[in-house]
């Protein structure tokens, strides 16, 4: 889909050295059109998670799923609304998860909970241009995990275990990793998918 308005970012694109790629806040390089779509047109995002994990040292088992829509803070409904808004932050609750802790003294569960999930885009250095690709800042992370078991982020330094994630823009799927804050659980059928749910108007 061609852009008729606007044809540029309202901030400078960073051309210098710096960390990009897996384990950073700039995980994927994409076409200019897709980066522009992410900034100007993406009004809300659908987050789909599937979890099925086991902690090998404790036998802790977590299962659950999320299928929710995150809408950026600030009522950014039109392209004009984001023209001076470099930080696009979307925050919400995950789906319902259960956790069982067989090694725990007392009641091993299962316990049921929801966490906070966050999708923060662009920020102070919104886009890095390198090798003909455009790397938008994409910070996707979780806080408030049960016993910190499910705390993770795509911008952690790479660890031995990770969750596969994708973000799809204009039918182009970009893959990256999300790293956990636990001690290398075993992931089985665990993934995160981010898609654009609705678009802003051009006015």
N, C-alpha and C. Protein backbone atom coordinates (compact mmCIF):
# COMPACT_ATOMS: atom_id res chain seq x y z
N UNK A 1 0.85 -1.18 0.00
CA UNK A 1 0.00 0.00 0.00
C UNK A 1 0.89 1.25 0.00
N UNK A 2 0.75 2.11 -0.95
CA UNK A 2 1.57 3.30 -1.06
C UNK A 2 1.12 4.36 -0.05
N UNK A 3 2.08 5.13 0.44
CA UNK A 3 1.78 6.21 1.35
C UNK A 3 1.49 7.49 0.59
N UNK A 4 0.39 8.12 0.88
CA UNK A 4 0.08 9.41 0.31
C UNK A 4 0.38 10.53 1.30
N UNK A 5 0.30 10.24 2.60
CA UNK A 5 0.59 11.21 3.65
C UNK A 5 0.85 10.46 4.93
N UNK A 6 1.91 10.81 5.64
CA UNK A 6 3.04 11.62 5.21
C UNK A 6 4.10 10.75 4.55
N UNK A 7 5.22 11.34 4.16
CA UNK A 7 6.27 10.59 3.47
C UNK A 7 7.59 10.62 4.23
N UNK A 8 7.56 10.89 5.51
CA UNK A 8 8.78 10.97 6.30
C UNK A 8 8.42 10.74 7.76
N UNK A 9 9.44 10.48 8.58
CA UNK A 9 9.26 10.41 10.02
C UNK A 9 9.40 11.82 10.60
N UNK A 10 8.75 12.11 11.72
CA UNK A 10 8.91 13.43 12.35
C UNK A 10 10.11 13.49 13.27
N UNK A 11 11.12 12.69 13.00
CA UNK A 11 12.35 12.67 13.79
C UNK A 11 13.48 12.19 12.89
N UNK A 12 14.70 12.38 13.32
CA UNK A 12 15.86 11.97 12.54
C UNK A 12 16.05 10.45 12.63
N UNK A 13 16.49 9.86 11.54
CA UNK A 13 16.85 8.45 11.52
C UNK A 13 18.33 8.33 11.85
N UNK A 14 18.66 7.46 12.79
CA UNK A 14 20.03 7.32 13.27
C UNK A 14 20.84 6.47 12.30
N UNK A 15 21.96 7.02 11.83
CA UNK A 15 22.79 6.33 10.84
C UNK A 15 24.10 5.80 11.44
N UNK A 16 24.39 6.08 12.71
CA UNK A 16 25.68 5.73 13.29
C UNK A 16 25.76 4.30 13.79
N UNK A 17 26.84 4.03 14.53
CA UNK A 17 27.05 2.71 15.10
C UNK A 17 26.13 2.51 16.30
N UNK A 18 25.89 1.25 16.63
CA UNK A 18 25.04 0.93 17.77
C UNK A 18 24.51 -0.48 17.64
N UNK A 19 23.97 -0.99 18.72
CA UNK A 19 23.50 -2.36 18.74
C UNK A 19 22.15 -2.48 18.02
N UNK A 20 22.07 -3.43 17.12
CA UNK A 20 20.82 -3.77 16.45
C UNK A 20 20.72 -5.29 16.41
N UNK A 21 19.55 -5.78 16.13
CA UNK A 21 19.36 -7.21 16.00
C UNK A 21 18.95 -7.88 17.30
N UNK A 22 19.06 -9.18 17.32
CA UNK A 22 18.56 -9.99 18.42
C UNK A 22 19.15 -9.57 19.77
N UNK A 23 18.30 -9.50 20.78
CA UNK A 23 18.75 -9.14 22.12
C UNK A 23 18.90 -7.66 22.34
N UNK A 24 18.43 -6.83 21.42
CA UNK A 24 18.51 -5.38 21.56
C UNK A 24 17.11 -4.78 21.42
N UNK A 25 17.04 -3.47 21.61
CA UNK A 25 15.78 -2.77 21.43
C UNK A 25 15.43 -2.53 19.97
N UNK A 26 16.29 -2.96 19.07
CA UNK A 26 16.07 -2.81 17.62
C UNK A 26 16.20 -4.18 16.98
N UNK A 27 15.24 -5.07 17.24
CA UNK A 27 15.45 -6.49 16.94
C UNK A 27 15.38 -6.87 15.47
N UNK A 28 14.64 -6.11 14.64
CA UNK A 28 14.45 -6.54 13.26
C UNK A 28 14.62 -5.36 12.31
N UNK A 29 15.27 -5.64 11.18
CA UNK A 29 15.37 -4.67 10.11
C UNK A 29 14.27 -4.91 9.10
N UNK A 30 13.65 -3.83 8.64
CA UNK A 30 12.51 -3.97 7.73
C UNK A 30 12.58 -2.92 6.64
N UNK A 31 11.67 -3.03 5.70
CA UNK A 31 11.60 -2.05 4.63
C UNK A 31 11.15 -0.70 5.19
N UNK A 32 11.43 0.35 4.45
CA UNK A 32 11.00 1.69 4.88
C UNK A 32 9.47 1.75 4.97
N UNK A 33 8.78 1.15 4.01
CA UNK A 33 7.31 1.19 4.03
C UNK A 33 6.75 0.52 5.28
N UNK A 34 7.35 -0.61 5.67
CA UNK A 34 6.85 -1.30 6.85
C UNK A 34 7.15 -0.51 8.12
N UNK A 35 8.33 0.10 8.20
CA UNK A 35 8.64 0.93 9.36
C UNK A 35 7.72 2.14 9.43
N UNK A 36 7.41 2.73 8.27
CA UNK A 36 6.48 3.86 8.22
C UNK A 36 5.08 3.42 8.64
N UNK A 37 4.66 2.25 8.20
CA UNK A 37 3.35 1.73 8.59
C UNK A 37 3.27 1.57 10.10
N UNK A 38 4.34 1.02 10.69
CA UNK A 38 4.36 0.80 12.13
C UNK A 38 4.21 2.11 12.89
N UNK A 39 4.83 3.17 12.38
CA UNK A 39 4.76 4.46 13.08
C UNK A 39 3.45 5.19 12.80
N UNK A 40 3.14 5.40 11.54
CA UNK A 40 2.05 6.29 11.18
C UNK A 40 0.68 5.61 11.22
N UNK A 41 0.61 4.36 10.84
CA UNK A 41 -0.70 3.78 10.55
C UNK A 41 -1.21 2.81 11.62
N UNK A 42 -0.32 2.19 12.38
CA UNK A 42 -0.76 1.17 13.33
C UNK A 42 -1.42 1.81 14.54
N UNK A 43 -2.72 1.68 14.63
CA UNK A 43 -3.48 2.28 15.73
C UNK A 43 -3.58 1.36 16.93
N UNK A 44 -3.77 0.05 16.69
CA UNK A 44 -3.83 -0.91 17.79
C UNK A 44 -3.20 -2.21 17.33
N UNK A 45 -2.86 -3.05 18.31
CA UNK A 45 -2.14 -4.29 18.04
C UNK A 45 -2.84 -5.46 18.71
N UNK A 46 -2.89 -6.58 18.01
CA UNK A 46 -3.38 -7.81 18.62
C UNK A 46 -2.18 -8.62 19.09
N UNK A 47 -2.23 -9.05 20.34
CA UNK A 47 -1.18 -9.85 20.93
C UNK A 47 -1.73 -11.25 21.17
N UNK A 48 -1.09 -12.24 20.58
CA UNK A 48 -1.49 -13.64 20.76
C UNK A 48 -0.29 -14.40 21.34
N UNK A 49 -0.50 -14.96 22.52
CA UNK A 49 0.54 -15.74 23.18
C UNK A 49 0.04 -17.16 23.43
N UNK A 50 0.94 -18.11 23.32
CA UNK A 50 0.68 -19.49 23.73
C UNK A 50 1.83 -19.92 24.63
N UNK A 51 1.49 -20.43 25.81
CA UNK A 51 2.52 -20.81 26.78
C UNK A 51 2.35 -22.27 27.20
N UNK A 52 3.49 -22.96 27.26
CA UNK A 52 3.52 -24.34 27.77
C UNK A 52 4.97 -24.59 28.19
N UNK A 53 5.31 -24.26 29.42
CA UNK A 53 6.70 -24.30 29.85
C UNK A 53 6.87 -25.11 31.12
N UNK A 54 8.07 -25.65 31.28
CA UNK A 54 8.43 -26.40 32.48
C UNK A 54 9.80 -25.95 32.95
N UNK A 55 9.91 -25.69 34.26
CA UNK A 55 11.19 -25.34 34.86
C UNK A 55 11.88 -26.62 35.30
N UNK A 56 13.05 -26.98 34.71
CA UNK A 56 13.63 -28.30 34.96
C UNK A 56 14.06 -28.54 36.40
N UNK A 57 14.52 -27.50 37.11
CA UNK A 57 15.04 -27.73 38.46
C UNK A 57 13.94 -27.86 39.51
N UNK A 58 12.79 -27.27 39.27
CA UNK A 58 11.70 -27.31 40.25
C UNK A 58 10.46 -28.04 39.75
N UNK A 59 10.40 -28.31 38.46
CA UNK A 59 9.20 -28.91 37.89
C UNK A 59 8.05 -27.94 37.74
N UNK A 60 8.32 -26.64 37.98
CA UNK A 60 7.28 -25.63 37.84
C UNK A 60 6.73 -25.65 36.42
N UNK A 61 5.42 -25.66 36.34
CA UNK A 61 4.75 -25.78 35.05
C UNK A 61 3.83 -24.58 34.86
N UNK A 62 3.96 -23.91 33.69
CA UNK A 62 3.13 -22.75 33.38
C UNK A 62 2.44 -23.00 32.05
N UNK A 63 1.15 -22.75 32.02
CA UNK A 63 0.40 -22.88 30.78
C UNK A 63 -0.62 -21.76 30.69
N UNK A 64 -0.99 -21.39 29.49
CA UNK A 64 -1.97 -20.33 29.32
C UNK A 64 -1.88 -19.71 27.95
N UNK A 65 -2.71 -18.70 27.71
CA UNK A 65 -2.71 -18.03 26.42
C UNK A 65 -3.24 -16.62 26.57
N UNK A 66 -2.87 -15.78 25.61
CA UNK A 66 -3.34 -14.40 25.52
C UNK A 66 -3.87 -14.16 24.12
N UNK A 67 -4.98 -13.49 24.03
CA UNK A 67 -5.48 -12.99 22.75
C UNK A 67 -6.17 -11.67 23.06
N UNK A 68 -5.39 -10.59 23.00
CA UNK A 68 -5.91 -9.30 23.45
C UNK A 68 -5.45 -8.19 22.51
N UNK A 69 -6.09 -7.05 22.61
CA UNK A 69 -5.74 -5.90 21.78
C UNK A 69 -5.15 -4.82 22.68
N UNK A 70 -3.97 -4.31 22.29
CA UNK A 70 -3.33 -3.20 22.98
C UNK A 70 -3.48 -1.94 22.13
N UNK A 71 -3.96 -0.87 22.74
CA UNK A 71 -4.11 0.41 22.06
C UNK A 71 -3.15 1.41 22.68
N UNK A 72 -2.34 2.11 21.88
CA UNK A 72 -1.38 3.06 22.44
C UNK A 72 -2.04 4.11 23.32
N UNK A 73 -1.32 4.50 24.37
CA UNK A 73 -1.77 5.57 25.25
C UNK A 73 -1.84 6.89 24.47
N UNK A 74 -2.74 7.77 24.88
CA UNK A 74 -2.76 9.12 24.32
C UNK A 74 -3.78 9.38 23.24
N UNK A 75 -4.68 8.44 23.00
CA UNK A 75 -5.73 8.65 21.98
C UNK A 75 -5.14 9.03 20.62
N UNK A 76 -4.21 8.21 20.14
CA UNK A 76 -3.53 8.48 18.88
C UNK A 76 -4.34 7.87 17.74
N UNK A 77 -5.43 8.52 17.39
CA UNK A 77 -6.38 7.95 16.43
C UNK A 77 -6.10 8.33 14.99
N UNK A 78 -5.39 9.44 14.75
CA UNK A 78 -5.10 9.88 13.39
C UNK A 78 -3.59 10.01 13.21
N UNK A 79 -3.16 10.10 11.96
CA UNK A 79 -1.74 10.30 11.69
C UNK A 79 -1.26 11.63 12.25
N UNK A 80 -2.11 12.64 12.24
CA UNK A 80 -1.73 13.94 12.81
C UNK A 80 -1.43 13.83 14.29
N UNK A 81 -2.11 12.91 14.98
CA UNK A 81 -1.91 12.76 16.43
C UNK A 81 -0.51 12.29 16.77
N UNK A 82 0.15 11.56 15.86
CA UNK A 82 1.48 11.04 16.17
C UNK A 82 2.60 11.88 15.55
N UNK A 83 2.25 12.99 14.92
CA UNK A 83 3.27 13.77 14.20
C UNK A 83 4.32 14.35 15.14
N UNK A 84 4.00 14.54 16.40
CA UNK A 84 4.97 15.03 17.39
C UNK A 84 5.02 14.10 18.59
N UNK A 85 4.89 12.84 18.36
CA UNK A 85 4.75 11.88 19.45
C UNK A 85 5.71 10.70 19.21
N UNK A 86 7.00 10.85 19.52
CA UNK A 86 7.95 9.79 19.19
C UNK A 86 7.81 8.53 20.02
N UNK A 87 7.23 8.63 21.23
CA UNK A 87 7.08 7.45 22.09
C UNK A 87 5.66 6.91 21.95
N UNK A 88 5.53 5.71 21.42
CA UNK A 88 4.22 5.09 21.27
C UNK A 88 4.18 3.90 22.23
N UNK A 89 3.43 4.02 23.31
CA UNK A 89 3.40 3.01 24.36
C UNK A 89 2.02 2.39 24.47
N UNK A 90 1.98 1.06 24.44
CA UNK A 90 0.74 0.31 24.61
C UNK A 90 0.92 -0.63 25.79
N UNK A 91 -0.04 -0.63 26.70
CA UNK A 91 0.06 -1.41 27.92
C UNK A 91 -1.25 -2.12 28.19
N UNK A 92 -1.20 -3.34 28.71
CA UNK A 92 -2.43 -4.06 29.00
C UNK A 92 -2.16 -5.31 29.79
N UNK A 93 -3.22 -6.10 29.98
CA UNK A 93 -3.12 -7.34 30.74
C UNK A 93 -3.01 -8.53 29.80
N UNK A 94 -2.27 -9.52 30.28
CA UNK A 94 -2.17 -10.78 29.54
C UNK A 94 -3.45 -11.58 29.71
N UNK A 95 -3.49 -12.72 29.06
CA UNK A 95 -4.55 -13.67 29.32
C UNK A 95 -4.35 -14.32 30.68
N UNK A 96 -5.17 -15.31 30.98
CA UNK A 96 -5.08 -16.01 32.26
C UNK A 96 -4.11 -17.19 32.14
N UNK A 97 -3.18 -17.26 33.08
CA UNK A 97 -2.19 -18.32 33.11
C UNK A 97 -2.33 -19.12 34.40
N UNK A 98 -1.91 -20.37 34.35
CA UNK A 98 -1.86 -21.17 35.57
C UNK A 98 -0.42 -21.60 35.81
N UNK A 99 -0.07 -21.72 37.07
CA UNK A 99 1.27 -22.15 37.45
C UNK A 99 1.15 -23.20 38.54
N UNK A 100 1.90 -24.28 38.38
CA UNK A 100 1.95 -25.37 39.36
C UNK A 100 3.40 -25.54 39.79
N UNK A 101 3.62 -25.62 41.11
CA UNK A 101 4.98 -25.69 41.65
C UNK A 101 5.08 -26.96 42.51
N UNK A 102 5.35 -28.11 41.91
CA UNK A 102 5.36 -29.36 42.67
C UNK A 102 6.34 -29.38 43.84
N UNK A 103 7.45 -28.67 43.72
CA UNK A 103 8.47 -28.70 44.76
C UNK A 103 8.18 -27.74 45.91
N UNK A 104 7.12 -26.93 45.80
CA UNK A 104 6.83 -25.94 46.84
C UNK A 104 6.32 -26.62 48.10
N UNK A 105 6.70 -26.07 49.25
CA UNK A 105 6.14 -26.54 50.50
C UNK A 105 4.72 -26.01 50.62
N UNK A 106 3.81 -26.83 51.11
CA UNK A 106 2.42 -26.41 51.17
C UNK A 106 1.70 -26.68 49.87
N UNK A 107 0.84 -25.78 49.50
CA UNK A 107 0.00 -25.95 48.33
C UNK A 107 0.79 -25.73 47.05
N UNK A 108 0.93 -26.73 46.18
CA UNK A 108 1.68 -26.54 44.93
C UNK A 108 0.87 -25.86 43.84
N UNK A 109 -0.40 -25.61 44.08
CA UNK A 109 -1.25 -25.01 43.05
C UNK A 109 -2.11 -26.05 42.37
N UNK A 110 -2.64 -25.72 41.20
CA UNK A 110 -2.28 -24.56 40.38
C UNK A 110 -2.84 -23.24 40.89
N UNK A 111 -2.10 -22.17 40.60
CA UNK A 111 -2.52 -20.81 40.88
C UNK A 111 -2.78 -20.10 39.55
N UNK A 112 -3.74 -19.20 39.56
CA UNK A 112 -4.13 -18.53 38.32
C UNK A 112 -3.83 -17.04 38.44
N UNK A 113 -3.35 -16.43 37.35
CA UNK A 113 -2.92 -15.04 37.42
C UNK A 113 -2.93 -14.42 36.03
N UNK A 114 -2.86 -13.09 36.00
CA UNK A 114 -2.63 -12.31 34.79
C UNK A 114 -1.43 -11.40 35.03
N UNK A 115 -0.69 -11.12 33.97
CA UNK A 115 0.46 -10.23 34.05
C UNK A 115 0.22 -8.99 33.21
N UNK A 116 1.11 -8.01 33.37
CA UNK A 116 1.08 -6.81 32.54
C UNK A 116 2.03 -7.01 31.36
N UNK A 117 1.56 -6.71 30.17
CA UNK A 117 2.40 -6.79 28.98
C UNK A 117 2.49 -5.40 28.36
N UNK A 118 3.61 -5.13 27.72
CA UNK A 118 3.90 -3.80 27.20
C UNK A 118 4.50 -3.90 25.81
N UNK A 119 4.05 -3.02 24.93
CA UNK A 119 4.64 -2.86 23.60
C UNK A 119 4.96 -1.38 23.44
N UNK A 120 6.24 -1.04 23.52
CA UNK A 120 6.69 0.35 23.41
C UNK A 120 7.49 0.49 22.12
N UNK A 121 7.12 1.48 21.31
CA UNK A 121 7.71 1.64 19.99
C UNK A 121 8.39 3.00 19.83
N UNK A 122 9.48 3.00 19.09
CA UNK A 122 10.22 4.18 18.61
C UNK A 122 10.99 4.86 19.74
N UNK A 123 10.44 5.61 20.63
CA UNK A 123 11.22 6.20 21.72
C UNK A 123 12.14 7.30 21.26
N UNK A 124 13.22 7.55 22.04
CA UNK A 124 14.10 8.69 21.77
C UNK A 124 14.91 8.52 20.49
N UNK A 125 15.45 7.34 20.25
CA UNK A 125 16.12 7.02 18.98
C UNK A 125 15.18 6.06 18.26
N UNK A 126 14.29 6.65 17.45
CA UNK A 126 13.17 5.87 16.95
C UNK A 126 13.51 4.82 15.92
N UNK A 127 14.44 5.13 15.00
CA UNK A 127 14.76 4.22 13.91
C UNK A 127 16.26 4.27 13.64
N UNK A 128 16.86 3.11 13.48
CA UNK A 128 18.26 3.00 13.08
C UNK A 128 18.29 2.48 11.64
N UNK A 129 19.06 3.15 10.78
CA UNK A 129 19.20 2.73 9.38
C UNK A 129 20.55 2.07 9.21
N UNK A 130 20.54 0.82 8.77
CA UNK A 130 21.79 0.08 8.63
C UNK A 130 21.64 -0.94 7.51
N UNK A 131 22.58 -0.94 6.56
CA UNK A 131 22.59 -1.95 5.51
C UNK A 131 21.34 -1.95 4.64
N UNK A 132 20.75 -0.77 4.45
CA UNK A 132 19.57 -0.67 3.61
C UNK A 132 18.27 -1.04 4.30
N UNK A 133 18.33 -1.41 5.58
CA UNK A 133 17.13 -1.75 6.34
C UNK A 133 16.89 -0.74 7.45
N UNK A 134 15.66 -0.67 7.89
CA UNK A 134 15.24 0.26 8.93
C UNK A 134 14.83 -0.53 10.17
N UNK A 135 15.51 -0.23 11.28
CA UNK A 135 15.29 -0.94 12.53
C UNK A 135 14.54 -0.04 13.50
N UNK A 136 13.21 -0.17 13.61
CA UNK A 136 12.49 0.63 14.60
C UNK A 136 12.72 0.08 16.00
N UNK A 137 12.68 0.96 16.98
CA UNK A 137 12.76 0.49 18.36
C UNK A 137 11.47 -0.27 18.68
N UNK A 138 11.63 -1.52 19.09
CA UNK A 138 10.50 -2.36 19.49
C UNK A 138 10.84 -2.97 20.84
N UNK A 139 10.17 -2.52 21.89
CA UNK A 139 10.38 -3.06 23.23
C UNK A 139 9.11 -3.80 23.64
N UNK A 140 9.20 -5.10 23.69
CA UNK A 140 8.05 -5.91 24.08
C UNK A 140 8.44 -6.69 25.32
N UNK A 141 7.72 -6.46 26.42
CA UNK A 141 8.15 -7.09 27.67
C UNK A 141 6.98 -7.30 28.61
N UNK A 142 7.23 -8.11 29.65
CA UNK A 142 6.24 -8.48 30.65
C UNK A 142 6.81 -8.17 32.03
N UNK A 143 5.94 -7.70 32.90
CA UNK A 143 6.34 -7.49 34.29
C UNK A 143 5.28 -8.07 35.21
N UNK A 144 5.66 -8.27 36.46
CA UNK A 144 4.73 -8.79 37.44
C UNK A 144 4.50 -10.27 37.34
N UNK A 145 5.46 -10.99 36.74
CA UNK A 145 5.31 -12.43 36.62
C UNK A 145 5.25 -13.11 37.98
N UNK A 146 4.55 -14.22 38.06
CA UNK A 146 4.41 -14.97 39.30
C UNK A 146 5.80 -15.46 39.72
N UNK A 147 6.26 -15.02 40.88
CA UNK A 147 7.64 -15.30 41.33
C UNK A 147 8.67 -14.91 40.27
N UNK A 148 8.36 -13.91 39.48
CA UNK A 148 9.20 -13.44 38.37
C UNK A 148 9.43 -14.51 37.31
N UNK A 149 8.62 -15.57 37.35
CA UNK A 149 8.85 -16.68 36.42
C UNK A 149 8.63 -16.25 34.98
N UNK A 150 7.65 -15.38 34.75
CA UNK A 150 7.32 -15.02 33.38
C UNK A 150 7.80 -13.63 33.01
N UNK A 151 8.75 -13.08 33.74
CA UNK A 151 9.30 -11.78 33.34
C UNK A 151 10.27 -11.99 32.19
N UNK A 152 10.05 -11.27 31.11
CA UNK A 152 10.93 -11.42 29.96
C UNK A 152 10.87 -10.17 29.09
N UNK A 153 11.81 -10.06 28.16
CA UNK A 153 11.86 -8.92 27.25
C UNK A 153 12.67 -9.30 26.03
N UNK A 154 12.37 -8.67 24.89
CA UNK A 154 13.16 -8.95 23.70
C UNK A 154 14.53 -8.28 23.76
N UNK A 155 14.71 -7.30 24.66
CA UNK A 155 15.97 -6.55 24.69
C UNK A 155 16.91 -7.03 25.79
N UNK A 156 16.64 -8.15 26.44
CA UNK A 156 17.60 -8.74 27.36
C UNK A 156 18.81 -9.22 26.56
N UNK A 157 19.97 -9.25 27.23
CA UNK A 157 21.12 -9.90 26.60
C UNK A 157 20.75 -11.34 26.31
N UNK A 158 21.12 -11.86 25.14
CA UNK A 158 20.71 -13.22 24.80
C UNK A 158 21.10 -14.25 25.86
N UNK A 159 20.14 -15.10 26.18
CA UNK A 159 20.38 -16.18 27.13
C UNK A 159 20.14 -17.51 26.42
N UNK A 160 20.28 -18.58 27.18
CA UNK A 160 20.21 -19.90 26.55
C UNK A 160 18.79 -20.26 26.14
N UNK A 161 17.79 -19.67 26.77
CA UNK A 161 16.41 -20.01 26.42
C UNK A 161 15.68 -18.76 25.98
N UNK A 162 14.78 -18.95 25.03
CA UNK A 162 14.04 -17.81 24.49
C UNK A 162 12.70 -18.28 23.96
N UNK A 163 11.82 -17.31 23.74
CA UNK A 163 10.51 -17.55 23.17
C UNK A 163 10.51 -16.97 21.77
N UNK A 164 10.10 -17.71 20.76
CA UNK A 164 10.03 -17.14 19.42
C UNK A 164 8.87 -16.15 19.32
N UNK A 165 9.12 -15.03 18.66
CA UNK A 165 8.10 -14.00 18.50
C UNK A 165 8.12 -13.51 17.06
N UNK A 166 6.98 -12.98 16.62
CA UNK A 166 6.88 -12.38 15.30
C UNK A 166 6.08 -11.09 15.39
N UNK A 167 6.38 -10.17 14.49
CA UNK A 167 5.55 -9.00 14.27
C UNK A 167 5.27 -8.93 12.77
N UNK A 168 4.02 -8.80 12.41
CA UNK A 168 3.61 -8.83 11.00
C UNK A 168 3.12 -7.45 10.59
N UNK A 169 3.70 -6.94 9.50
CA UNK A 169 3.36 -5.62 8.97
C UNK A 169 3.23 -5.73 7.46
N UNK A 170 2.11 -5.30 6.92
CA UNK A 170 1.87 -5.37 5.47
C UNK A 170 2.12 -6.77 4.91
N UNK A 171 1.68 -7.77 5.65
CA UNK A 171 1.84 -9.18 5.27
C UNK A 171 3.29 -9.64 5.26
N UNK A 172 4.20 -8.84 5.80
CA UNK A 172 5.59 -9.26 5.97
C UNK A 172 5.79 -9.65 7.44
N UNK A 173 6.27 -10.85 7.67
CA UNK A 173 6.46 -11.34 9.04
C UNK A 173 7.93 -11.24 9.43
N UNK A 174 8.20 -10.56 10.53
CA UNK A 174 9.55 -10.39 11.05
C UNK A 174 9.68 -11.18 12.35
N UNK A 175 10.74 -11.96 12.47
CA UNK A 175 10.93 -12.83 13.62
C UNK A 175 12.02 -12.30 14.53
N UNK A 176 11.81 -12.46 15.84
CA UNK A 176 12.83 -12.12 16.83
C UNK A 176 12.63 -12.98 18.06
N UNK A 177 13.54 -12.85 19.03
CA UNK A 177 13.50 -13.67 20.23
C UNK A 177 13.15 -12.82 21.45
N UNK A 178 12.45 -13.45 22.39
CA UNK A 178 12.17 -12.84 23.68
C UNK A 178 12.86 -13.69 24.73
N UNK A 179 13.66 -13.05 25.59
CA UNK A 179 14.47 -13.77 26.57
C UNK A 179 13.83 -13.70 27.94
N UNK A 180 13.89 -14.84 28.65
CA UNK A 180 13.22 -14.93 29.93
C UNK A 180 14.14 -14.50 31.07
N UNK A 181 13.53 -14.28 32.23
CA UNK A 181 14.27 -13.91 33.42
C UNK A 181 14.33 -15.07 34.41
N UNK A 182 14.04 -16.27 33.93
CA UNK A 182 14.09 -17.46 34.76
C UNK A 182 15.32 -18.28 34.36
N UNK A 183 15.51 -19.40 35.00
CA UNK A 183 16.71 -20.20 34.75
C UNK A 183 16.42 -21.28 33.70
N UNK A 184 16.34 -20.84 32.49
CA UNK A 184 16.28 -21.71 31.32
C UNK A 184 15.17 -22.75 31.39
N UNK A 185 13.90 -22.32 31.41
CA UNK A 185 12.83 -23.30 31.34
C UNK A 185 12.78 -23.97 29.97
N UNK A 186 12.10 -25.10 29.92
CA UNK A 186 11.88 -25.78 28.66
C UNK A 186 10.60 -25.27 28.03
N UNK A 187 10.68 -24.76 26.81
CA UNK A 187 9.53 -24.22 26.13
C UNK A 187 9.00 -25.25 25.14
N UNK A 188 7.70 -25.45 25.15
CA UNK A 188 7.05 -26.37 24.24
C UNK A 188 5.80 -25.69 23.71
N UNK A 189 5.73 -25.48 22.41
CA UNK A 189 4.57 -24.80 21.81
C UNK A 189 4.32 -23.45 22.47
N UNK A 190 5.39 -22.69 22.66
CA UNK A 190 5.31 -21.37 23.28
C UNK A 190 5.72 -20.32 22.25
N UNK A 191 4.90 -19.28 22.07
CA UNK A 191 5.20 -18.28 21.06
C UNK A 191 4.42 -17.01 21.33
N UNK A 192 4.86 -15.93 20.68
CA UNK A 192 4.19 -14.64 20.75
C UNK A 192 4.04 -14.11 19.33
N UNK A 193 2.86 -13.62 18.99
CA UNK A 193 2.62 -13.04 17.67
C UNK A 193 1.98 -11.67 17.84
N UNK A 194 2.54 -10.67 17.15
CA UNK A 194 2.04 -9.30 17.19
C UNK A 194 1.58 -8.94 15.78
N UNK A 195 0.35 -8.50 15.67
CA UNK A 195 -0.17 -8.04 14.38
C UNK A 195 -0.88 -6.71 14.57
N UNK A 196 -1.01 -5.97 13.48
CA UNK A 196 -1.74 -4.70 13.52
C UNK A 196 -3.23 -5.01 13.46
N UNK A 197 -3.97 -4.54 14.46
CA UNK A 197 -5.40 -4.81 14.54
C UNK A 197 -6.21 -3.76 13.82
N UNK A 198 -5.84 -2.46 13.98
CA UNK A 198 -6.58 -1.39 13.32
C UNK A 198 -5.60 -0.29 12.92
N UNK A 199 -6.01 0.55 11.96
CA UNK A 199 -5.14 1.61 11.44
C UNK A 199 -5.72 2.98 11.73
N UNK A 200 -4.83 3.96 11.82
CA UNK A 200 -5.25 5.35 12.00
C UNK A 200 -5.78 5.92 10.68
N UNK A 201 -6.57 6.95 10.80
CA UNK A 201 -6.99 7.67 9.62
C UNK A 201 -5.94 8.72 9.26
N UNK A 202 -6.01 9.23 8.03
CA UNK A 202 -5.00 10.17 7.54
C UNK A 202 -5.24 11.60 7.98
N UNK A 203 -6.36 11.91 8.56
CA UNK A 203 -6.69 13.29 8.91
C UNK A 203 -5.93 13.75 10.16
